[in-house]
C-alpha atoms as a PDB file:
ATOM      1  CA  MET A   1       0.000   0.000   0.000  1.00  0.00           C
ATOM      2  CA  CYS A   2       1.407   3.394  -0.916  1.00  0.00           C
ATOM      3  CA  SER A   3      -0.327   5.715   1.479  1.00  0.00           C
ATOM      4  CA  PHE A   4       0.441   7.383   4.773  1.00  0.00           C
ATOM      5  CA  LEU A   5      -2.291   7.239   7.359  1.00  0.00           C
ATOM      6  CA  THR A   6      -2.410   9.158  10.631  1.00  0.00           C
ATOM      7  CA  ARG A   7      -5.250   8.692  13.084  1.00  0.00           C
ATOM      8  CA  VAL A   8      -6.054  10.725  16.146  1.00  0.00           C
ATOM      9  CA  PRO A   9      -8.740   8.759  18.000  1.00  0.00           C
ATOM     10  CA  LYS A  10     -10.754  10.391  20.777  1.00  0.00           C
ATOM     11  CA  THR A  11     -13.818   9.375  22.719  1.00  0.00           C
ATOM     12  CA  LEU A  12     -16.211  11.492  20.648  1.00  0.00           C
ATOM     13  CA  ALA A  13     -14.272  12.202  17.483  1.00  0.00           C
ATOM     14  CA  VAL A  14     -11.866  10.666  15.032  1.00  0.00           C
ATOM     15  CA  ALA A  15      -9.740  12.760  12.713  1.00  0.00           C
ATOM     16  CA  THR A  16      -7.941  11.143   9.823  1.00  0.00           C
ATOM     17  CA  LEU A  17      -5.445  12.539   7.375  1.00  0.00           C
ATOM     18  CA  VAL A  18      -4.618  10.391   4.376  1.00  0.00           C
ATOM     19  CA  LEU A  19      -1.802  11.302   2.042  1.00  0.00           C
ATOM     20  CA  SER A  20      -1.215   9.206  -1.024  1.00  0.00           C
ATOM     21  CA  ALA A  21       1.539   9.695  -3.549  1.00  0.00           C
ATOM     22  CA  CYS A  22       1.378   6.521  -5.603  1.00  0.00           C
ATOM     23  CA  GLY A  23       3.037   6.313  -8.949  1.00  0.00           C
ATOM     24  CA  VAL A  24       4.980   3.990 -11.173  1.00  0.00           C
ATOM     25  CA  ALA A  25       8.576   4.272 -12.243  1.00  0.00           C
ATOM     26  CA  GLN A  26       7.694   5.785 -15.620  1.00  0.00           C
ATOM     27  CA  ALA A  27       6.313   9.296 -15.144  1.00  0.00           C
ATOM     28  CA  GLN A  28       4.354   9.096 -18.396  1.00  0.00           C
ATOM     29  CA  TYR A  29       1.964   6.608 -16.717  1.00  0.00           C
ATOM     30  CA  TYR A  30       1.697   8.486 -13.425  1.00  0.00           C
ATOM     31  CA  LEU A  31      -2.007   9.101 -12.742  1.00  0.00           C
ATOM     32  CA  GLY A  32      -1.599  11.514  -9.838  1.00  0.00           C
ATOM     33  CA  SER A  33      -1.707  11.974  -6.076  1.00  0.00           C
ATOM     34  CA  GLU A  34      -4.545  12.468  -3.636  1.00  0.00           C
ATOM     35  CA  ILE A  35      -4.876  14.117  -0.250  1.00  0.00           C
ATOM     36  CA  ASP A  36      -7.919  13.562   1.986  1.00  0.00           C
ATOM     37  CA  LEU A  37      -9.007  15.120   5.243  1.00  0.00           C
ATOM     38  CA  VAL A  38     -11.748  13.251   7.122  1.00  0.00           C
ATOM     39  CA  ALA A  39     -13.390  14.065  10.464  1.00  0.00           C
ATOM     40  CA  GLY A  40     -16.090  12.188  12.305  1.00  0.00           C
ATOM     41  CA  PHE A  41     -18.347  12.809  15.289  1.00  0.00           C
ATOM     42  CA  ILE A  42     -20.059  10.069  17.267  1.00  0.00           C
ATOM     43  CA  VAL A  43     -23.658  11.201  17.866  1.00  0.00           C
ATOM     44  CA  THR A  44     -24.882   8.103  19.726  1.00  0.00           C
ATOM     45  CA  LYS A  45     -23.568   4.572  20.117  1.00  0.00           C
ATOM     46  CA  PHE A  46     -25.548   3.749  16.955  1.00  0.00           C
ATOM     47  CA  ALA A  47     -24.910   6.844  14.803  1.00  0.00           C
ATOM     48  CA  MET A  48     -21.907   8.757  13.512  1.00  0.00           C
ATOM     49  CA  ILE A  49     -21.540  11.770  11.209  1.00  0.00           C
ATOM     50  CA  GLU A  50     -18.516  12.013   8.958  1.00  0.00           C
ATOM     51  CA  ALA A  51     -17.356  14.849   6.723  1.00  0.00           C
ATOM     52  CA  GLY A  52     -14.426  14.978   4.373  1.00  0.00           C
ATOM     53  CA  TYR A  53     -12.523  16.887   1.758  1.00  0.00           C
ATOM     54  CA  GLY A  54     -10.347  15.460  -0.986  1.00  0.00           C
ATOM     55  CA  HIS A  55      -8.055  16.884  -3.627  1.00  0.00           C
ATOM     56  CA  PHE A  56      -6.628  14.947  -6.571  1.00  0.00           C
ATOM     57  CA  PHE A  57      -3.461  16.312  -8.167  1.00  0.00           C
ATOM     58  CA  ARG A  58      -3.423  15.074 -11.747  1.00  0.00           C
ATOM     59  CA  GLY A  59      -0.267  13.391 -12.958  1.00  0.00           C
ATOM     60  CA  ASP A  60       1.520  13.396 -16.290  1.00  0.00           C
ATOM     61  CA  TYR A  61      -0.667  10.661 -17.799  1.00  0.00           C
ATOM     62  CA  ILE A  62      -3.914  12.561 -17.083  1.00  0.00           C
ATOM     63  CA  LYS A  63      -2.414  15.854 -18.284  1.00  0.00           C
ATOM     64  CA  GLN A  64      -1.288  14.300 -21.584  1.00  0.00           C
ATOM     65  CA  THR A  65      -4.303  12.075 -22.240  1.00  0.00           C
ATOM     66  CA  TRP A  66      -7.013  14.630 -21.422  1.00  0.00           C
ATOM     67  CA  SER A  67      -5.233  17.799 -22.561  1.00  0.00           C
ATOM     68  CA  ALA A  68      -7.650  18.272 -25.488  1.00  0.00           C
ATOM     69  CA  ILE A  69     -10.586  18.831 -23.121  1.00  0.00           C
ATOM     70  CA  GLY A  70      -8.589  20.739 -20.485  1.00  0.00           C
ATOM     71  CA  SER A  71      -8.045  18.386 -17.577  1.00  0.00           C
ATOM     72  CA  GLN A  72      -7.789  19.949 -14.136  1.00  0.00           C
ATOM     73  CA  ASP A  73      -7.159  18.838 -10.575  1.00  0.00           C
ATOM     74  CA  ALA A  74     -10.300  17.681  -8.771  1.00  0.00           C
ATOM     75  CA  ASP A  75     -11.770  18.755  -5.405  1.00  0.00           C
ATOM     76  CA  TRP A  76     -14.683  17.207  -3.538  1.00  0.00           C
ATOM     77  CA  PHE A  77     -16.474  17.487  -0.202  1.00  0.00           C
ATOM     78  CA  TYR A  78     -18.857  15.011   1.382  1.00  0.00           C
ATOM     79  CA  LEU A  79     -21.058  14.558   4.435  1.00  0.00           C
ATOM     80  CA  GLN A  80     -22.391  11.172   5.448  1.00  0.00           C
ATOM     81  CA  THR A  81     -24.109   9.453   8.336  1.00  0.00           C
ATOM     82  CA  LEU A  82     -23.369   5.965   9.521  1.00  0.00           C
ATOM     83  CA  VAL A  83     -26.077   4.052  11.393  1.00  0.00           C
ATOM     84  CA  ARG A  84     -25.227   0.737  13.039  1.00  0.00           C
ATOM     85  CA  PHE A  85     -27.828  -1.860  13.889  1.00  0.00           C
END
């Protein structure tokens, strides 16, 4: 696995930072890197809310392959609930 994972667990919250810089030896096939920031809050013993942000840095392969349509880095946010039965 080519990622670095740091967790800071607490009684009511979990914060996670994931850094990934995966690539192959030949830069022409390098897809890119991603960074994610995830935070969660335990609402009850059955429910949790999680929010996150991610950014994908496009690599040489994406830049070359999708240059005709103007490829760009990607950002996303999400909010989810987890209910356990």
